[in-house]
């Protein structure tokens, strides 16, 4: 049995979600191949070859693959799909943009957001905002799967010695074109890969007050997140949103400040190893999942905590 993992990368380095996806492939069992589709992406392919457990890397390079356009990457996956029984994508915005196209073209049912592998054809995935776990069995010849990265510990980025094989790049589909990209500059760790995350909620009251979290985050080397309510209110940018409709995180330490704990937010962070909640409302749902809870005024507690560190 041979499994294909589709690597998420920036042409220079692998995204951390790829390592979690390889871990899911290892749980299925069999030879693991990784497809790197990009342009001038030899460095990313070499990084994939060093990942523990990978036996082969397929490298497809062309200008039309440089920016990860879903239409073109999907065609590249389909060009090699006949050799594989499982095709795995990270359940990131990038992976979820491509996987359904591949599944539809292969005329198979996609298995989405898996968090565990029971057998090569049976998987577990959360439903109802994570309040229940569904066991899904697929009888399709090719199984197209997206992997919730928080469900699998990342494999080692070093230690592998896979071969790198160049494959012919597909032609431009002509269905989309890359226009531009606006990148937010941030010196803090990436939200989905950070060991510590501090999230603010509507309780902070304003975008100016949200900056109260900055010094604490700096001291802890933490990423900063936000609840949907805080994002909708304009306190924080969209890419900071943690939750079912935002990013799924599972850091070693998650600190929720002024976050009430709506179901959609809990779905995005309740797998964190240690959860600390700070809220003036003792009945806030966030305390139901917190390992440590502090009922108090965040405008007093956060500065005191920052000073103590």
Protein backbone atom coordinates (compact mmCIF):
# COMPACT_ATOMS: atom_id res chain seq x y z
CA UNK A 1 0.00 0.00 0.00
CA UNK A 2 1.36 3.39 -1.02
CA UNK A 3 0.16 6.72 0.37
CA UNK A 4 0.59 10.15 -1.20
CA UNK A 5 0.89 13.21 1.04
CA UNK A 6 0.45 16.58 -0.66
CA UNK A 7 2.99 18.97 0.85
CA UNK A 8 2.02 22.48 1.85
CA UNK A 9 5.04 24.73 1.35
CA UNK A 10 6.23 28.15 0.20
CA UNK A 11 8.71 26.78 -2.37
CA UNK A 12 11.54 27.18 0.13
CA UNK A 13 10.38 25.26 3.21
CA UNK A 14 7.62 22.91 4.28
CA UNK A 15 4.72 24.19 6.36
CA UNK A 16 4.48 22.45 9.72
CA UNK A 17 1.06 20.99 8.80
CA UNK A 18 2.82 18.69 6.34
CA UNK A 19 4.60 16.91 9.20
CA UNK A 20 1.30 16.20 10.95
CA UNK A 21 -0.15 14.89 7.69
CA UNK A 22 2.80 12.51 7.29
CA UNK A 23 2.10 11.29 10.83
CA UNK A 24 -1.45 10.43 9.78
CA UNK A 25 -0.08 8.59 6.75
CA UNK A 26 2.23 6.60 9.02
CA UNK A 27 -0.78 5.62 11.16
CA UNK A 28 -2.46 4.20 8.04
CA UNK A 29 0.67 2.20 7.23
CA UNK A 30 2.58 1.62 4.00
CA UNK A 31 5.10 3.49 1.87
CA UNK A 32 4.74 7.25 2.15
CA UNK A 33 5.40 9.46 -0.87
CA UNK A 34 5.23 13.26 -0.75
CA UNK A 35 4.27 15.47 -3.69
CA UNK A 36 5.88 18.91 -3.79
CA UNK A 37 4.19 20.99 -6.50
CA UNK A 38 5.68 24.44 -6.95
CA UNK A 39 8.35 26.37 -8.79
CA UNK A 40 12.03 26.67 -7.88
CA UNK A 41 10.99 24.36 -5.06
CA UNK A 42 14.05 22.11 -4.82
CA UNK A 43 14.69 23.30 -1.25
CA UNK A 44 11.17 22.29 -0.20
CA UNK A 45 11.60 18.90 -1.90
CA UNK A 46 14.92 18.35 -0.13
CA UNK A 47 13.25 19.21 3.18
CA UNK A 48 10.49 16.71 2.43
CA UNK A 49 13.12 14.05 1.69
CA UNK A 50 14.55 14.51 5.18
CA UNK A 51 11.20 13.99 6.91
CA UNK A 52 11.12 10.82 8.99
CA UNK A 53 9.10 8.03 7.40
CA UNK A 54 9.03 9.38 3.85
CA UNK A 55 10.33 6.96 1.20
CA UNK A 56 10.02 9.09 -1.95
CA UNK A 57 9.44 12.72 -2.91
CA UNK A 58 7.82 13.69 -6.21
CA UNK A 59 8.83 17.16 -7.39
CA UNK A 60 6.80 18.99 -10.01
CA UNK A 61 8.05 22.44 -10.96
CA UNK A 62 6.52 25.03 -13.27
CA UNK A 63 5.55 28.72 -13.11
CA UNK A 64 1.86 27.80 -13.02
CA UNK A 65 2.45 25.85 -9.80
CA UNK A 66 4.43 28.58 -8.06
CA UNK A 67 1.57 30.14 -6.12
CA UNK A 68 -0.37 27.03 -5.16
CA UNK A 69 -3.46 27.79 -7.25
CA UNK A 70 -5.98 25.09 -6.38
CA UNK A 71 -6.99 24.41 -9.97
CA UNK A 72 -3.43 23.72 -11.09
CA UNK A 73 -2.27 21.82 -8.01
CA UNK A 74 -5.35 19.59 -8.20
CA UNK A 75 -4.47 18.71 -11.80
CA UNK A 76 -0.94 17.85 -10.70
CA UNK A 77 -2.27 15.55 -8.00
CA UNK A 78 -4.60 13.87 -10.49
CA UNK A 79 -1.69 13.30 -12.86
CA UNK A 80 -0.09 10.90 -10.36
CA UNK A 81 -3.16 9.74 -8.43
CA UNK A 82 -3.55 6.37 -10.15
CA UNK A 83 -0.53 5.02 -8.29
CA UNK A 84 -2.01 5.57 -4.81
CA UNK A 85 -4.73 4.18 -2.57
CA UNK A 86 -4.71 7.10 -0.16
CA UNK A 87 -4.16 10.80 -0.93
CA UNK A 88 -3.75 12.99 2.14
CA UNK A 89 -3.94 16.77 2.48
CA UNK A 90 -3.53 18.91 5.61
CA UNK A 91 -6.92 20.29 6.71
CA UNK A 92 -5.68 23.86 6.35
CA UNK A 93 -7.24 26.56 4.17
CA UNK A 94 -4.78 25.52 1.45
CA UNK A 95 -5.49 21.80 1.67
CA UNK A 96 -9.25 22.22 1.95
CA UNK A 97 -9.19 24.30 -1.23
CA UNK A 98 -7.63 21.50 -3.27
CA UNK A 99 -8.83 18.17 -1.82
CA UNK A 100 -12.52 18.47 -2.84
CA UNK A 101 -11.49 19.11 -6.45
CA UNK A 102 -9.40 15.96 -6.46
CA UNK A 103 -12.15 13.89 -4.83
CA UNK A 104 -14.76 15.14 -7.28
CA UNK A 105 -12.60 14.36 -10.31
CA UNK A 106 -11.88 10.89 -8.96
CA UNK A 107 -15.61 10.44 -8.23
CA UNK A 108 -14.99 9.45 -4.61
CA UNK A 109 -16.32 10.70 -1.27
CA UNK A 110 -13.80 12.83 0.59
CA UNK A 111 -13.10 11.90 4.22
CA UNK A 112 -12.63 15.23 5.95
CA UNK A 113 -10.78 16.41 9.02
CA UNK A 114 -9.70 13.05 10.43
CA UNK A 115 -8.26 12.95 13.95
CA UNK A 116 -7.50 9.22 14.24
CA UNK A 117 -6.96 6.14 12.09
CA UNK A 118 -8.71 2.91 13.10
CA UNK A 119 -7.66 0.97 10.00
CA UNK A 120 -6.64 1.77 6.41
CA UNK A 121 -10.29 2.29 5.47
CA UNK A 122 -11.77 3.54 8.77
CA UNK A 123 -11.19 6.94 10.35
CA UNK A 124 -12.47 9.16 13.14
CA UNK A 125 -13.53 12.76 12.60
CA UNK A 126 -15.24 15.35 14.82
CA UNK A 127 -18.82 16.45 14.10
CA UNK A 128 -21.20 18.93 15.78
CA UNK A 129 -18.37 21.34 16.57
CA UNK A 130 -16.36 18.54 18.14
CA UNK A 131 -19.10 17.46 20.54
CA UNK A 132 -19.28 14.03 18.92
CA UNK A 133 -16.84 11.83 17.04
CA UNK A 134 -17.97 10.00 13.90
CA UNK A 135 -16.33 6.79 12.74
CA UNK A 136 -16.26 6.79 8.94
CA UNK A 137 -15.48 3.79 6.75
CA UNK A 138 -14.69 4.32 3.08
CA UNK A 139 -15.12 1.66 0.39
CA UNK A 140 -13.69 3.88 -2.35
CA UNK A 141 -10.71 2.55 -4.25
CA UNK A 142 -8.86 5.82 -3.69
CA UNK A 143 -9.37 7.57 -0.38
CA UNK A 144 -9.02 11.35 -0.46
CA UNK A 145 -8.50 12.55 3.10
CA UNK A 146 -7.90 15.83 4.89
CA UNK A 147 -6.05 15.62 8.20
CA UNK A 148 -6.77 17.80 11.22
CA UNK A 149 -3.23 18.63 12.22
CA UNK A 150 -4.02 18.83 15.94
CA UNK A 151 -5.05 15.17 15.90
CA UNK A 152 -1.56 13.85 15.07
CA UNK A 153 1.80 14.70 16.61
CA UNK A 154 4.19 15.94 13.94
CA UNK A 155 6.84 13.51 12.75
CA UNK A 156 10.51 14.53 12.95
CA UNK A 157 11.57 16.99 10.26
CA UNK A 158 15.00 15.36 10.12
CA UNK A 159 16.18 11.78 9.95
CA UNK A 160 14.75 10.63 6.65
CA UNK A 161 16.70 9.98 3.47
CA UNK A 162 14.08 9.69 0.73
CA UNK A 163 14.88 9.95 -2.96
CA UNK A 164 13.64 12.95 -4.95
CA UNK A 165 12.09 12.15 -8.31
CA UNK A 166 11.15 14.83 -10.82
CA UNK A 167 7.75 14.42 -12.47
CA UNK A 168 6.36 16.30 -15.44
CA UNK A 169 4.38 19.37 -14.49
CA UNK A 170 0.84 19.74 -15.79
CA UNK A 171 -0.15 22.57 -18.10
CA UNK A 172 -1.83 25.69 -16.77
CA UNK A 173 -5.55 25.00 -16.41
CA UNK A 174 -6.37 28.56 -17.40
CA UNK A 175 -9.16 28.66 -14.82
CA UNK A 176 -7.51 31.09 -12.42
CA UNK A 177 -4.58 33.46 -12.22
CA UNK A 178 -2.49 34.73 -9.33
CA UNK A 179 -3.04 38.47 -8.89
CA UNK A 180 -1.29 39.37 -5.65
CA UNK A 181 -0.75 38.58 -2.01
CA UNK A 182 -0.81 40.78 1.07
CA UNK A 183 1.24 39.25 3.87
CA UNK A 184 0.83 40.28 7.48
CA UNK A 185 4.21 40.81 9.10
CA UNK A 186 4.43 39.17 12.50
CA UNK A 187 7.50 38.41 14.60
CA UNK A 188 5.56 35.97 16.76
CA UNK A 189 5.22 32.23 16.10
CA UNK A 190 2.68 30.99 13.59
CA UNK A 191 -0.66 30.52 15.34
CA UNK A 192 -1.19 26.89 14.35
CA UNK A 193 2.37 25.87 15.24
CA UNK A 194 2.96 27.85 18.45
CA UNK A 195 3.59 26.06 21.75
CA UNK A 196 1.80 28.87 23.62
CA UNK A 197 -1.25 30.79 22.40
CA UNK A 198 -2.91 33.76 24.10
CA UNK A 199 -6.37 34.58 22.77
CA UNK A 200 -8.47 37.61 23.49
CA UNK A 201 -12.22 37.89 23.34
CA UNK A 202 -14.95 40.47 23.28
CA UNK A 203 -14.26 41.18 26.96
CA UNK A 204 -11.24 43.26 25.97
CA UNK A 205 -13.63 45.89 24.67
CA UNK A 206 -11.60 47.50 21.87
CA UNK A 207 -8.72 47.08 19.46
CA UNK A 208 -6.63 49.36 21.65
CA UNK A 209 -7.31 47.23 24.72
CA UNK A 210 -6.40 44.11 22.73
CA UNK A 211 -2.79 45.33 22.77
CA UNK A 212 -2.83 44.50 26.49
CA UNK A 213 -1.97 40.95 25.43
CA UNK A 214 1.17 41.93 23.50
CA UNK A 215 3.63 42.19 26.41
CA UNK A 216 2.40 38.96 27.97
CA UNK A 217 2.71 37.20 24.61
CA UNK A 218 6.24 38.55 24.18
CA UNK A 219 7.31 37.26 27.58
CA UNK A 220 5.91 33.80 26.89
CA UNK A 221 7.04 33.61 23.26
CA UNK A 222 3.38 33.11 22.39
CA UNK A 223 1.23 33.58 19.33
CA UNK A 224 -1.81 35.83 19.70
CA UNK A 225 -5.26 34.64 18.72
CA UNK A 226 -8.80 35.94 19.00
CA UNK A 227 -12.36 34.75 19.30
CA UNK A 228 -14.75 35.25 16.42
CA UNK A 229 -16.60 37.89 18.42
CA UNK A 230 -13.36 39.87 18.82
CA UNK A 231 -12.57 39.56 15.12
CA UNK A 232 -16.10 40.54 14.05
CA UNK A 233 -15.88 43.58 16.34
CA UNK A 234 -12.66 44.65 14.62
CA UNK A 235 -10.42 44.12 17.66
CA UNK A 236 -8.11 41.70 15.81
CA UNK A 237 -7.41 40.68 12.19
CA UNK A 238 -9.19 37.73 10.58
CA UNK A 239 -6.10 35.51 10.47
CA UNK A 240 -5.95 35.55 14.28
CA UNK A 241 -9.34 33.87 14.65
CA UNK A 242 -9.37 30.60 16.60
CA UNK A 243 -12.40 28.37 16.28
CA UNK A 244 -14.51 26.21 14.02
CA UNK A 245 -14.62 28.95 11.38
CA UNK A 246 -11.05 30.04 12.08
CA UNK A 247 -7.90 28.14 12.92
CA UNK A 248 -7.71 24.91 14.91
CA UNK A 249 -4.93 24.98 17.50
CA UNK A 250 -3.65 22.59 20.15
CA UNK A 251 -0.67 24.25 21.85
CA UNK A 252 0.98 23.13 25.06
CA UNK A 253 -0.56 26.15 26.79
CA UNK A 254 -3.67 28.10 25.76
CA UNK A 255 -4.61 31.25 27.67
CA UNK A 256 -8.08 32.64 27.01
CA UNK A 257 -8.51 36.23 28.13
CA UNK A 258 -12.00 37.70 28.11
CA UNK A 259 -13.26 34.81 25.98
CA UNK A 260 -16.71 33.57 26.97
CA UNK A 261 -16.25 30.18 25.30
CA UNK A 262 -18.86 29.89 22.56
CA UNK A 263 -19.15 26.41 21.04
CA UNK A 264 -17.48 27.45 17.81
CA UNK A 265 -14.46 28.80 19.72
CA UNK A 266 -14.15 25.73 21.94
CA UNK A 267 -14.09 23.54 18.82
CA UNK A 268 -10.88 25.25 17.77
CA UNK A 269 -8.86 25.01 20.99
CA UNK A 270 -10.22 22.43 23.42
CA UNK A 271 -7.52 19.90 22.45
CA UNK A 272 -4.86 22.20 23.93
CA UNK A 273 -2.73 20.44 26.54
CA UNK A 274 -3.31 23.04 29.30
CA UNK A 275 -6.07 25.65 29.15
CA UNK A 276 -6.10 28.75 31.35
CA UNK A 277 -9.16 31.01 31.39
CA UNK A 278 -9.40 34.56 32.71
CA UNK A 279 -12.92 35.99 32.80
CA UNK A 280 -14.99 38.08 35.18
CA UNK A 281 -18.07 35.92 34.55
CA UNK A 282 -17.85 32.84 36.76
CA UNK A 283 -20.54 31.16 34.63
CA UNK A 284 -18.68 31.59 31.32
CA UNK A 285 -18.62 28.31 29.32
CA UNK A 286 -14.83 28.61 28.90
CA UNK A 287 -14.42 27.46 32.51
CA UNK A 288 -16.02 24.15 31.56
CA UNK A 289 -12.94 23.15 29.51
CA UNK A 290 -10.27 25.09 31.43
CA UNK A 291 -7.66 23.31 33.53
CA UNK A 292 -7.12 26.53 35.48
CA UNK A 293 -9.65 29.33 35.80
CA UNK A 294 -9.35 32.78 37.30
CA UNK A 295 -12.49 34.83 37.89
CA UNK A 296 -11.45 38.45 37.86
CA UNK A 297 -11.09 41.71 35.95
CA UNK A 298 -8.73 41.00 33.05
CA UNK A 299 -7.56 44.62 33.08
CA UNK A 300 -6.08 43.97 36.52
CA UNK A 301 -5.14 40.31 36.17
CA UNK A 302 -3.24 40.48 32.87
CA UNK A 303 -0.87 43.33 33.93
CA UNK A 304 -0.22 41.57 37.24
CA UNK A 305 0.49 38.29 35.47
CA UNK A 306 2.78 40.04 33.01
CA UNK A 307 4.67 41.75 35.81
CA UNK A 308 5.05 38.47 37.72
CA UNK A 309 6.70 36.87 34.71
